[in-house]
Amino acid sequence: MNVTLVEKYNPEWPKWFQEIKAFLGEKIAKACIHIEHVGSTSILGMIAKPIIDIIIVIEPERWEEIKSLLEERGYYHEGDKGIKEREAFDLSDETVKQSLPAHHLYVCLRHSQALKEQTAFREYLKKNQADAKRLSALKWSLAEKFNNDRQLYIDGKDAMVKEITEKALKQTNS
């Protein structure tokens, strides 16, 4: 099995999030509403790709400011990458990129559907261990089966992620 595709829960992941958050700096922290650790690495006990997913939450009028501040830190805007209301950023300097934990950085508006789905998914799995274990087992199985093919792995878990997200949103809205 390719251990870089997924790993068992690593207690260092929350520390990695804090390290990246510190790298983003005070200017970004002050310009945004908050910075969220989302995705499977934010959920205790979950199997995950060892990549920290981060969302910077902003008010719409702060978009240009945040974009400029991220560019000052060495990030470039990649567009929404197919997910509405979620703007992706990546580091352009490979040396800086290698000095930080692997991460995906996104910017979402405060009331966006993308943010709602990500945070509902995280909170639901923190409280619903049966679904967290079921998703972890599927991820491990897919990683073993598809070894080095990240896209087949992603496609294989898509239906369960959608199912859990729907449950999470229903629970959030009730």
N, C-alpha and C. Protein backbone atom coordinates (compact mmCIF):
# COMPACT_ATOMS: atom_id res chain seq x y z
N MET A 1 0.83 -1.20 0.00
CA MET A 1 0.00 0.00 0.00
C MET A 1 0.87 1.26 0.00
N ASN A 2 0.41 2.26 -0.68
CA ASN A 2 1.11 3.54 -0.75
C ASN A 2 0.77 4.36 0.49
N VAL A 3 1.70 4.44 1.44
CA VAL A 3 1.42 5.15 2.69
C VAL A 3 1.27 6.65 2.50
N THR A 4 1.72 7.18 1.37
CA THR A 4 1.54 8.62 1.17
C THR A 4 0.14 8.96 0.68
N LEU A 5 -0.60 7.98 0.17
CA LEU A 5 -1.97 8.26 -0.27
C LEU A 5 -2.86 8.51 0.94
N VAL A 6 -2.88 7.60 1.89
CA VAL A 6 -3.59 7.81 3.15
C VAL A 6 -2.75 7.28 4.30
N GLU A 7 -3.03 7.82 5.47
CA GLU A 7 -2.34 7.37 6.69
C GLU A 7 -3.37 7.24 7.79
N LYS A 8 -3.03 6.42 8.79
CA LYS A 8 -3.84 6.40 10.00
C LYS A 8 -3.73 7.76 10.65
N TYR A 9 -4.67 8.09 11.54
CA TYR A 9 -4.68 9.41 12.17
C TYR A 9 -3.32 9.74 12.77
N ASN A 10 -2.88 10.96 12.52
CA ASN A 10 -1.60 11.44 13.02
C ASN A 10 -1.87 12.59 14.00
N PRO A 11 -1.51 12.43 15.27
CA PRO A 11 -1.76 13.49 16.24
C PRO A 11 -1.00 14.79 15.95
N GLU A 12 -0.09 14.75 14.99
CA GLU A 12 0.63 15.96 14.58
C GLU A 12 -0.21 16.86 13.67
N TRP A 13 -1.27 16.32 13.06
CA TRP A 13 -2.05 17.11 12.09
C TRP A 13 -2.58 18.43 12.66
N PRO A 14 -3.15 18.45 13.88
CA PRO A 14 -3.58 19.76 14.42
C PRO A 14 -2.41 20.74 14.58
N LYS A 15 -1.24 20.22 14.93
CA LYS A 15 -0.05 21.08 15.06
C LYS A 15 0.38 21.61 13.69
N TRP A 16 0.26 20.76 12.67
CA TRP A 16 0.59 21.20 11.31
C TRP A 16 -0.34 22.35 10.89
N PHE A 17 -1.62 22.20 11.22
CA PHE A 17 -2.57 23.28 10.93
C PHE A 17 -2.12 24.57 11.59
N GLN A 18 -1.76 24.49 12.87
CA GLN A 18 -1.32 25.69 13.60
C GLN A 18 -0.05 26.29 12.98
N GLU A 19 0.84 25.44 12.51
CA GLU A 19 2.07 25.91 11.86
C GLU A 19 1.75 26.69 10.58
N ILE A 20 0.85 26.16 9.78
CA ILE A 20 0.46 26.84 8.53
C ILE A 20 -0.29 28.13 8.85
N LYS A 21 -1.17 28.07 9.83
CA LYS A 21 -1.91 29.26 10.25
C LYS A 21 -0.94 30.36 10.70
N ALA A 22 0.09 29.99 11.44
CA ALA A 22 1.10 30.97 11.87
C ALA A 22 1.84 31.55 10.67
N PHE A 23 2.13 30.71 9.68
CA PHE A 23 2.80 31.18 8.47
C PHE A 23 1.94 32.21 7.73
N LEU A 24 0.64 32.01 7.73
CA LEU A 24 -0.25 32.95 7.04
C LEU A 24 -0.11 34.36 7.62
N GLY A 25 0.11 34.44 8.91
CA GLY A 25 0.44 35.70 9.54
C GLY A 25 -0.72 36.50 10.09
N GLU A 26 -0.36 37.51 10.86
CA GLU A 26 -1.32 38.36 11.56
C GLU A 26 -2.21 39.17 10.62
N LYS A 27 -1.63 39.67 9.52
CA LYS A 27 -2.43 40.49 8.60
C LYS A 27 -3.63 39.70 8.07
N ILE A 28 -3.38 38.47 7.67
CA ILE A 28 -4.46 37.62 7.15
C ILE A 28 -5.42 37.28 8.28
N ALA A 29 -4.90 36.94 9.45
CA ALA A 29 -5.76 36.62 10.60
C ALA A 29 -6.68 37.78 10.94
N LYS A 30 -6.18 39.00 10.84
CA LYS A 30 -7.00 40.18 11.16
C LYS A 30 -8.00 40.52 10.06
N ALA A 31 -7.67 40.21 8.81
CA ALA A 31 -8.54 40.55 7.68
C ALA A 31 -9.68 39.55 7.47
N CYS A 32 -9.56 38.37 8.07
CA CYS A 32 -10.59 37.35 7.87
C CYS A 32 -11.46 37.22 9.12
N ILE A 33 -12.54 36.45 8.99
CA ILE A 33 -13.40 36.17 10.14
C ILE A 33 -12.71 35.12 11.02
N HIS A 34 -12.29 34.04 10.39
CA HIS A 34 -11.51 33.02 11.07
C HIS A 34 -10.89 32.08 10.05
N ILE A 35 -10.01 31.22 10.54
CA ILE A 35 -9.32 30.25 9.70
C ILE A 35 -9.68 28.87 10.23
N GLU A 36 -10.25 28.04 9.36
CA GLU A 36 -10.78 26.72 9.74
C GLU A 36 -9.87 25.58 9.28
N HIS A 37 -9.69 24.59 10.13
CA HIS A 37 -9.07 23.32 9.77
C HIS A 37 -10.23 22.39 9.42
N VAL A 38 -10.31 21.95 8.18
CA VAL A 38 -11.40 21.10 7.73
C VAL A 38 -10.83 19.82 7.11
N GLY A 39 -11.71 18.97 6.61
CA GLY A 39 -11.26 17.72 6.00
C GLY A 39 -10.94 16.67 7.05
N SER A 40 -10.57 15.51 6.58
CA SER A 40 -10.36 14.36 7.47
C SER A 40 -9.23 14.55 8.47
N THR A 41 -8.22 15.36 8.15
CA THR A 41 -7.13 15.56 9.11
C THR A 41 -7.58 16.36 10.32
N SER A 42 -8.76 16.96 10.25
CA SER A 42 -9.28 17.74 11.39
C SER A 42 -10.14 16.89 12.33
N ILE A 43 -10.30 15.60 12.01
CA ILE A 43 -11.20 14.73 12.76
C ILE A 43 -10.38 13.64 13.46
N LEU A 44 -10.40 13.66 14.78
CA LEU A 44 -9.65 12.71 15.59
C LEU A 44 -9.98 11.27 15.17
N GLY A 45 -8.94 10.50 14.88
CA GLY A 45 -9.10 9.09 14.56
C GLY A 45 -9.33 8.77 13.09
N MET A 46 -9.53 9.77 12.24
CA MET A 46 -9.82 9.51 10.83
C MET A 46 -8.56 9.16 10.04
N ILE A 47 -8.73 8.23 9.13
CA ILE A 47 -7.70 7.96 8.13
C ILE A 47 -7.80 9.09 7.11
N ALA A 48 -6.66 9.57 6.64
CA ALA A 48 -6.69 10.71 5.72
C ALA A 48 -5.43 10.78 4.88
N LYS A 49 -5.54 11.52 3.77
CA LYS A 49 -4.33 11.91 3.05
C LYS A 49 -3.62 12.89 3.99
N PRO A 50 -2.32 12.80 4.13
CA PRO A 50 -1.61 13.69 5.07
C PRO A 50 -1.43 15.11 4.50
N ILE A 51 -2.55 15.70 4.14
CA ILE A 51 -2.58 17.05 3.57
C ILE A 51 -3.61 17.84 4.36
N ILE A 52 -3.21 18.94 4.94
CA ILE A 52 -4.09 19.75 5.78
C ILE A 52 -4.97 20.63 4.89
N ASP A 53 -6.28 20.54 5.07
CA ASP A 53 -7.23 21.39 4.34
C ASP A 53 -7.58 22.58 5.23
N ILE A 54 -7.40 23.77 4.68
CA ILE A 54 -7.62 25.01 5.43
C ILE A 54 -8.56 25.92 4.65
N ILE A 55 -9.52 26.50 5.36
CA ILE A 55 -10.40 27.50 4.75
C ILE A 55 -10.25 28.81 5.52
N ILE A 56 -9.96 29.86 4.77
CA ILE A 56 -9.97 31.21 5.31
C ILE A 56 -11.36 31.76 5.04
N VAL A 57 -12.08 32.11 6.10
CA VAL A 57 -13.47 32.57 5.98
C VAL A 57 -13.48 34.10 5.99
N ILE A 58 -14.15 34.67 4.98
CA ILE A 58 -14.14 36.14 4.85
C ILE A 58 -15.53 36.70 4.55
N GLU A 59 -15.64 38.00 4.75
CA GLU A 59 -16.79 38.76 4.25
C GLU A 59 -16.50 39.08 2.79
N PRO A 60 -17.54 39.20 1.94
CA PRO A 60 -17.32 39.45 0.51
C PRO A 60 -16.44 40.67 0.21
N GLU A 61 -16.60 41.72 0.99
CA GLU A 61 -15.84 42.95 0.72
C GLU A 61 -14.34 42.81 1.02
N ARG A 62 -13.93 41.70 1.64
CA ARG A 62 -12.51 41.50 1.98
C ARG A 62 -11.77 40.66 0.93
N TRP A 63 -12.47 40.22 -0.11
CA TRP A 63 -11.88 39.31 -1.10
C TRP A 63 -10.57 39.85 -1.69
N GLU A 64 -10.59 41.05 -2.25
CA GLU A 64 -9.38 41.59 -2.89
C GLU A 64 -8.24 41.76 -1.89
N GLU A 65 -8.58 42.18 -0.68
CA GLU A 65 -7.56 42.35 0.36
C GLU A 65 -6.91 41.01 0.71
N ILE A 66 -7.74 39.99 0.93
CA ILE A 66 -7.21 38.66 1.28
C ILE A 66 -6.37 38.10 0.14
N LYS A 67 -6.86 38.25 -1.07
CA LYS A 67 -6.12 37.77 -2.24
C LYS A 67 -4.74 38.44 -2.29
N SER A 68 -4.67 39.74 -2.09
CA SER A 68 -3.39 40.47 -2.09
C SER A 68 -2.48 40.01 -0.94
N LEU A 69 -3.07 39.83 0.24
CA LEU A 69 -2.27 39.38 1.39
C LEU A 69 -1.71 37.97 1.16
N LEU A 70 -2.51 37.11 0.55
CA LEU A 70 -2.02 35.76 0.24
C LEU A 70 -0.90 35.82 -0.79
N GLU A 71 -1.04 36.70 -1.78
CA GLU A 71 0.02 36.86 -2.77
C GLU A 71 1.31 37.35 -2.11
N GLU A 72 1.20 38.23 -1.12
CA GLU A 72 2.38 38.69 -0.37
C GLU A 72 3.08 37.53 0.34
N ARG A 73 2.30 36.54 0.77
CA ARG A 73 2.86 35.37 1.46
C ARG A 73 3.37 34.32 0.48
N GLY A 74 3.22 34.58 -0.84
CA GLY A 74 3.74 33.65 -1.84
C GLY A 74 2.72 32.73 -2.47
N TYR A 75 1.44 32.95 -2.19
CA TYR A 75 0.39 32.13 -2.78
C TYR A 75 -0.08 32.75 -4.10
N TYR A 76 -0.59 31.89 -4.98
CA TYR A 76 -1.24 32.38 -6.20
C TYR A 76 -2.64 31.77 -6.27
N HIS A 77 -3.54 32.49 -6.90
CA HIS A 77 -4.94 32.09 -7.01
C HIS A 77 -5.10 31.07 -8.13
N GLU A 78 -5.74 29.95 -7.82
CA GLU A 78 -5.96 28.88 -8.81
C GLU A 78 -7.39 28.83 -9.33
N GLY A 79 -8.25 29.74 -8.89
CA GLY A 79 -9.65 29.67 -9.28
C GLY A 79 -10.42 28.76 -8.33
N ASP A 80 -11.64 28.39 -8.72
CA ASP A 80 -12.46 27.58 -7.81
C ASP A 80 -12.23 26.07 -7.97
N LYS A 81 -11.48 25.67 -8.97
CA LYS A 81 -11.16 24.25 -9.22
C LYS A 81 -12.42 23.39 -9.25
N GLY A 82 -13.50 23.95 -9.79
CA GLY A 82 -14.73 23.18 -9.97
C GLY A 82 -15.69 23.20 -8.80
N ILE A 83 -15.35 23.88 -7.72
CA ILE A 83 -16.26 23.94 -6.57
C ILE A 83 -16.67 25.40 -6.36
N LYS A 84 -17.95 25.66 -6.63
CA LYS A 84 -18.46 27.02 -6.49
C LYS A 84 -18.26 27.55 -5.08
N GLU A 85 -18.00 28.84 -5.00
CA GLU A 85 -17.88 29.55 -3.72
C GLU A 85 -16.68 29.13 -2.88
N ARG A 86 -15.70 28.48 -3.51
CA ARG A 86 -14.48 28.09 -2.80
C ARG A 86 -13.29 28.37 -3.72
N GLU A 87 -12.49 29.35 -3.36
CA GLU A 87 -11.35 29.75 -4.18
C GLU A 87 -10.07 29.11 -3.64
N ALA A 88 -9.33 28.45 -4.53
CA ALA A 88 -8.13 27.71 -4.14
C ALA A 88 -6.87 28.56 -4.34
N PHE A 89 -5.89 28.33 -3.47
CA PHE A 89 -4.60 29.00 -3.56
C PHE A 89 -3.49 27.97 -3.36
N ASP A 90 -2.35 28.21 -4.01
CA ASP A 90 -1.19 27.34 -3.83
C ASP A 90 0.06 28.22 -3.73
N LEU A 91 1.09 27.68 -3.12
CA LEU A 91 2.36 28.41 -3.00
C LEU A 91 3.14 28.29 -4.30
N SER A 92 3.72 29.39 -4.73
CA SER A 92 4.49 29.38 -5.97
C SER A 92 5.95 29.02 -5.74
N ASP A 93 6.48 29.29 -4.56
CA ASP A 93 7.88 29.04 -4.26
C ASP A 93 8.04 27.62 -3.69
N GLU A 94 8.72 26.76 -4.44
CA GLU A 94 8.89 25.36 -4.02
C GLU A 94 9.65 25.25 -2.70
N THR A 95 10.60 26.12 -2.46
CA THR A 95 11.37 26.08 -1.21
C THR A 95 10.46 26.34 -0.02
N VAL A 96 9.61 27.36 -0.14
CA VAL A 96 8.65 27.67 0.93
C VAL A 96 7.67 26.51 1.07
N LYS A 97 7.19 26.00 -0.05
CA LYS A 97 6.24 24.89 -0.05
C LYS A 97 6.81 23.68 0.70
N GLN A 98 8.08 23.37 0.45
CA GLN A 98 8.72 22.23 1.10
C GLN A 98 8.97 22.47 2.59
N SER A 99 9.02 23.73 3.01
CA SER A 99 9.29 24.04 4.41
C SER A 99 8.04 23.94 5.29
N LEU A 100 6.88 23.87 4.66
CA LEU A 100 5.61 23.80 5.39
C LEU A 100 4.99 22.43 5.24
N PRO A 101 4.12 22.03 6.17
CA PRO A 101 3.36 20.80 5.97
C PRO A 101 2.51 20.92 4.70
N ALA A 102 2.30 19.81 4.02
CA ALA A 102 1.47 19.80 2.81
C ALA A 102 0.07 20.30 3.17
N HIS A 103 -0.45 21.20 2.34
CA HIS A 103 -1.78 21.73 2.63
C HIS A 103 -2.47 22.22 1.37
N HIS A 104 -3.79 22.25 1.47
CA HIS A 104 -4.65 22.86 0.47
C HIS A 104 -5.26 24.08 1.14
N LEU A 105 -5.16 25.22 0.50
CA LEU A 105 -5.65 26.46 1.08
C LEU A 105 -6.79 27.02 0.23
N TYR A 106 -7.90 27.32 0.90
CA TYR A 106 -9.08 27.84 0.22
C TYR A 106 -9.57 29.10 0.93
N VAL A 107 -10.28 29.92 0.18
CA VAL A 107 -10.97 31.08 0.74
C VAL A 107 -12.44 30.91 0.42
N CYS A 108 -13.29 31.05 1.45
CA CYS A 108 -14.74 30.96 1.29
C CYS A 108 -15.40 32.17 1.94
N LEU A 109 -16.50 32.59 1.35
CA LEU A 109 -17.31 33.63 1.97
C LEU A 109 -18.04 33.04 3.17
N ARG A 110 -18.30 33.87 4.15
CA ARG A 110 -18.91 33.45 5.41
C ARG A 110 -20.15 32.56 5.23
N HIS A 111 -21.06 32.92 4.36
CA HIS A 111 -22.32 32.18 4.23
C HIS A 111 -22.35 31.26 3.01
N SER A 112 -21.20 30.90 2.49
CA SER A 112 -21.16 30.08 1.28
C SER A 112 -21.58 28.63 1.56
N GLN A 113 -22.13 28.01 0.54
CA GLN A 113 -22.52 26.61 0.63
C GLN A 113 -21.29 25.73 0.82
N ALA A 114 -20.20 26.05 0.15
CA ALA A 114 -18.97 25.25 0.27
C ALA A 114 -18.48 25.21 1.72
N LEU A 115 -18.50 26.35 2.39
CA LEU A 115 -18.09 26.41 3.80
C LEU A 115 -19.05 25.61 4.67
N LYS A 116 -20.34 25.80 4.43
CA LYS A 116 -21.36 25.09 5.19
C LYS A 116 -21.15 23.57 5.09
N GLU A 117 -20.91 23.09 3.87
CA GLU A 117 -20.72 21.65 3.66
C GLU A 117 -19.47 21.14 4.37
N GLN A 118 -18.37 21.86 4.24
CA GLN A 118 -17.11 21.42 4.86
C GLN A 118 -17.21 21.37 6.38
N THR A 119 -17.78 22.40 6.97
CA THR A 119 -17.84 22.43 8.44
C THR A 119 -18.90 21.45 8.96
N ALA A 120 -20.01 21.30 8.25
CA ALA A 120 -21.03 20.32 8.66
C ALA A 120 -20.46 18.91 8.60
N PHE A 121 -19.74 18.59 7.54
CA PHE A 121 -19.10 17.28 7.36
C PHE A 121 -18.16 17.00 8.53
N ARG A 122 -17.30 17.96 8.84
CA ARG A 122 -16.34 17.80 9.94
C ARG A 122 -17.06 17.57 11.28
N GLU A 123 -18.01 18.42 11.60
CA GLU A 123 -18.71 18.33 12.89
C GLU A 123 -19.53 17.04 12.99
N TYR A 124 -20.15 16.65 11.89
CA TYR A 124 -20.94 15.41 11.89
C TYR A 124 -20.04 14.20 12.20
N LEU A 125 -18.91 14.11 11.51
CA LEU A 125 -18.03 12.95 11.73
C LEU A 125 -17.38 12.95 13.10
N LYS A 126 -17.19 14.12 13.69
CA LYS A 126 -16.66 14.17 15.06
C LYS A 126 -17.65 13.54 16.04
N LYS A 127 -18.95 13.66 15.74
CA LYS A 127 -19.99 13.17 16.65
C LYS A 127 -20.53 11.79 16.27
N ASN A 128 -20.31 11.35 15.05
CA ASN A 128 -20.88 10.09 14.55
C ASN A 128 -19.77 9.11 14.19
N GLN A 129 -19.29 8.42 15.22
CA GLN A 129 -18.15 7.52 15.06
C GLN A 129 -18.41 6.38 14.08
N ALA A 130 -19.65 5.90 14.00
CA ALA A 130 -19.94 4.79 13.09
C ALA A 130 -19.66 5.21 11.64
N ASP A 131 -20.13 6.39 11.25
CA ASP A 131 -19.87 6.87 9.89
C ASP A 131 -18.40 7.22 9.70
N ALA A 132 -17.75 7.74 10.73
CA ALA A 132 -16.32 8.06 10.63
C ALA A 132 -15.52 6.78 10.40
N LYS A 133 -15.87 5.72 11.12
CA LYS A 133 -15.17 4.44 10.96
C LYS A 133 -15.45 3.82 9.59
N ARG A 134 -16.70 3.94 9.15
CA ARG A 134 -17.09 3.41 7.83
C ARG A 134 -16.31 4.12 6.72
N LEU A 135 -16.22 5.45 6.80
CA LEU A 135 -15.48 6.21 5.79
C LEU A 135 -13.98 5.90 5.87
N SER A 136 -13.44 5.79 7.07
CA SER A 136 -12.02 5.44 7.22
C SER A 136 -11.72 4.09 6.60
N ALA A 137 -12.59 3.11 6.85
CA ALA A 137 -12.39 1.77 6.30
C ALA A 137 -12.42 1.81 4.77
N LEU A 138 -13.36 2.57 4.21
CA LEU A 138 -13.44 2.69 2.76
C LEU A 138 -12.17 3.33 2.20
N LYS A 139 -11.71 4.39 2.84
CA LYS A 139 -10.51 5.08 2.37
C LYS A 139 -9.31 4.13 2.37
N TRP A 140 -9.15 3.38 3.44
CA TRP A 140 -8.03 2.44 3.54
C TRP A 140 -8.11 1.39 2.43
N SER A 141 -9.31 0.85 2.24
CA SER A 141 -9.53 -0.16 1.21
C SER A 141 -9.24 0.40 -0.19
N LEU A 142 -9.71 1.60 -0.46
CA LEU A 142 -9.47 2.22 -1.77
C LEU A 142 -7.99 2.51 -1.99
N ALA A 143 -7.31 2.96 -0.95
CA ALA A 143 -5.88 3.24 -1.06
C ALA A 143 -5.10 1.96 -1.36
N GLU A 144 -5.49 0.86 -0.73
CA GLU A 144 -4.84 -0.42 -1.01
C GLU A 144 -5.13 -0.88 -2.43
N LYS A 145 -6.39 -0.72 -2.84
CA LYS A 145 -6.82 -1.19 -4.16
C LYS A 145 -6.20 -0.37 -5.29
N PHE A 146 -6.19 0.95 -5.14
CA PHE A 146 -5.76 1.82 -6.23
C PHE A 146 -4.35 2.37 -6.05
N ASN A 147 -3.68 1.97 -5.00
CA ASN A 147 -2.29 2.30 -4.69
C ASN A 147 -1.85 3.69 -5.13
N ASN A 148 -1.41 3.86 -6.35
CA ASN A 148 -0.86 5.16 -6.76
C ASN A 148 -1.81 6.00 -7.60
N ASP A 149 -3.05 5.61 -7.73
CA ASP A 149 -3.99 6.37 -8.56
C ASP A 149 -4.92 7.20 -7.70
N ARG A 150 -4.51 8.42 -7.43
CA ARG A 150 -5.26 9.32 -6.55
C ARG A 150 -6.67 9.58 -7.07
N GLN A 151 -6.84 9.70 -8.40
CA GLN A 151 -8.16 10.01 -8.95
C GLN A 151 -9.14 8.85 -8.73
N LEU A 152 -8.70 7.62 -8.92
CA LEU A 152 -9.57 6.47 -8.65
C LEU A 152 -9.94 6.40 -7.18
N TYR A 153 -8.99 6.72 -6.32
CA TYR A 153 -9.25 6.78 -4.87
C TYR A 153 -10.33 7.82 -4.58
N ILE A 154 -10.18 9.02 -5.12
CA ILE A 154 -11.15 10.11 -4.90
C ILE A 154 -12.52 9.71 -5.44
N ASP A 155 -12.55 9.18 -6.65
CA ASP A 155 -13.82 8.76 -7.26
C ASP A 155 -14.49 7.67 -6.43
N GLY A 156 -13.70 6.77 -5.88
CA GLY A 156 -14.23 5.65 -5.10
C GLY A 156 -14.90 6.06 -3.80
N LYS A 157 -14.48 7.16 -3.22
CA LYS A 157 -15.08 7.59 -1.95
C LYS A 157 -16.15 8.66 -2.14
N ASP A 158 -16.31 9.13 -3.36
CA ASP A 158 -17.21 10.25 -3.64
C ASP A 158 -18.65 10.01 -3.17
N ALA A 159 -19.21 8.84 -3.47
CA ALA A 159 -20.61 8.57 -3.10
C ALA A 159 -20.80 8.60 -1.58
N MET A 160 -19.87 8.01 -0.83
CA MET A 160 -20.00 8.01 0.62
C MET A 160 -19.81 9.42 1.20
N VAL A 161 -18.88 10.17 0.65
CA VAL A 161 -18.67 11.55 1.12
C VAL A 161 -19.94 12.37 0.88
N LYS A 162 -20.56 12.20 -0.28
CA LYS A 162 -21.81 12.92 -0.58
C LYS A 162 -22.92 12.50 0.39
N GLU A 163 -23.02 11.20 0.64
CA GLU A 163 -24.04 10.69 1.56
C GLU A 163 -23.86 11.28 2.96
N ILE A 164 -22.63 11.28 3.45
CA ILE A 164 -22.35 11.81 4.79
C ILE A 164 -22.58 13.32 4.82
N THR A 165 -22.19 14.01 3.77
CA THR A 165 -22.41 15.46 3.71
C THR A 165 -23.90 15.78 3.76
N GLU A 166 -24.72 15.01 3.04
CA GLU A 166 -26.18 15.22 3.07
C GLU A 166 -26.72 15.00 4.48
N LYS A 167 -26.29 13.94 5.14
CA LYS A 167 -26.71 13.69 6.53
C LYS A 167 -26.29 14.85 7.43
N ALA A 168 -25.07 15.30 7.24
CA ALA A 168 -24.52 16.39 8.06
C ALA A 168 -25.32 17.67 7.87
N LEU A 169 -25.66 17.99 6.63
CA LEU A 169 -26.42 19.21 6.35
C LEU A 169 -27.83 19.12 6.93
N LYS A 170 -28.45 17.94 6.84
CA LYS A 170 -29.79 17.76 7.42
C LYS A 170 -29.73 17.97 8.93
N GLN A 171 -28.70 17.42 9.56
CA GLN A 171 -28.55 17.57 11.00
C GLN A 171 -28.30 19.03 11.38
N THR A 172 -27.52 19.73 10.57
CA THR A 172 -27.22 21.14 10.82
C THR A 172 -28.46 22.00 10.66
N ASN A 173 -29.29 21.67 9.68
CA ASN A 173 -30.48 22.48 9.38
C ASN A 173 -31.68 22.15 10.25
N SER A 174 -31.58 21.10 11.05
CA SER A 174 -32.76 20.73 11.88
C SER A 174 -32.70 21.33 13.26
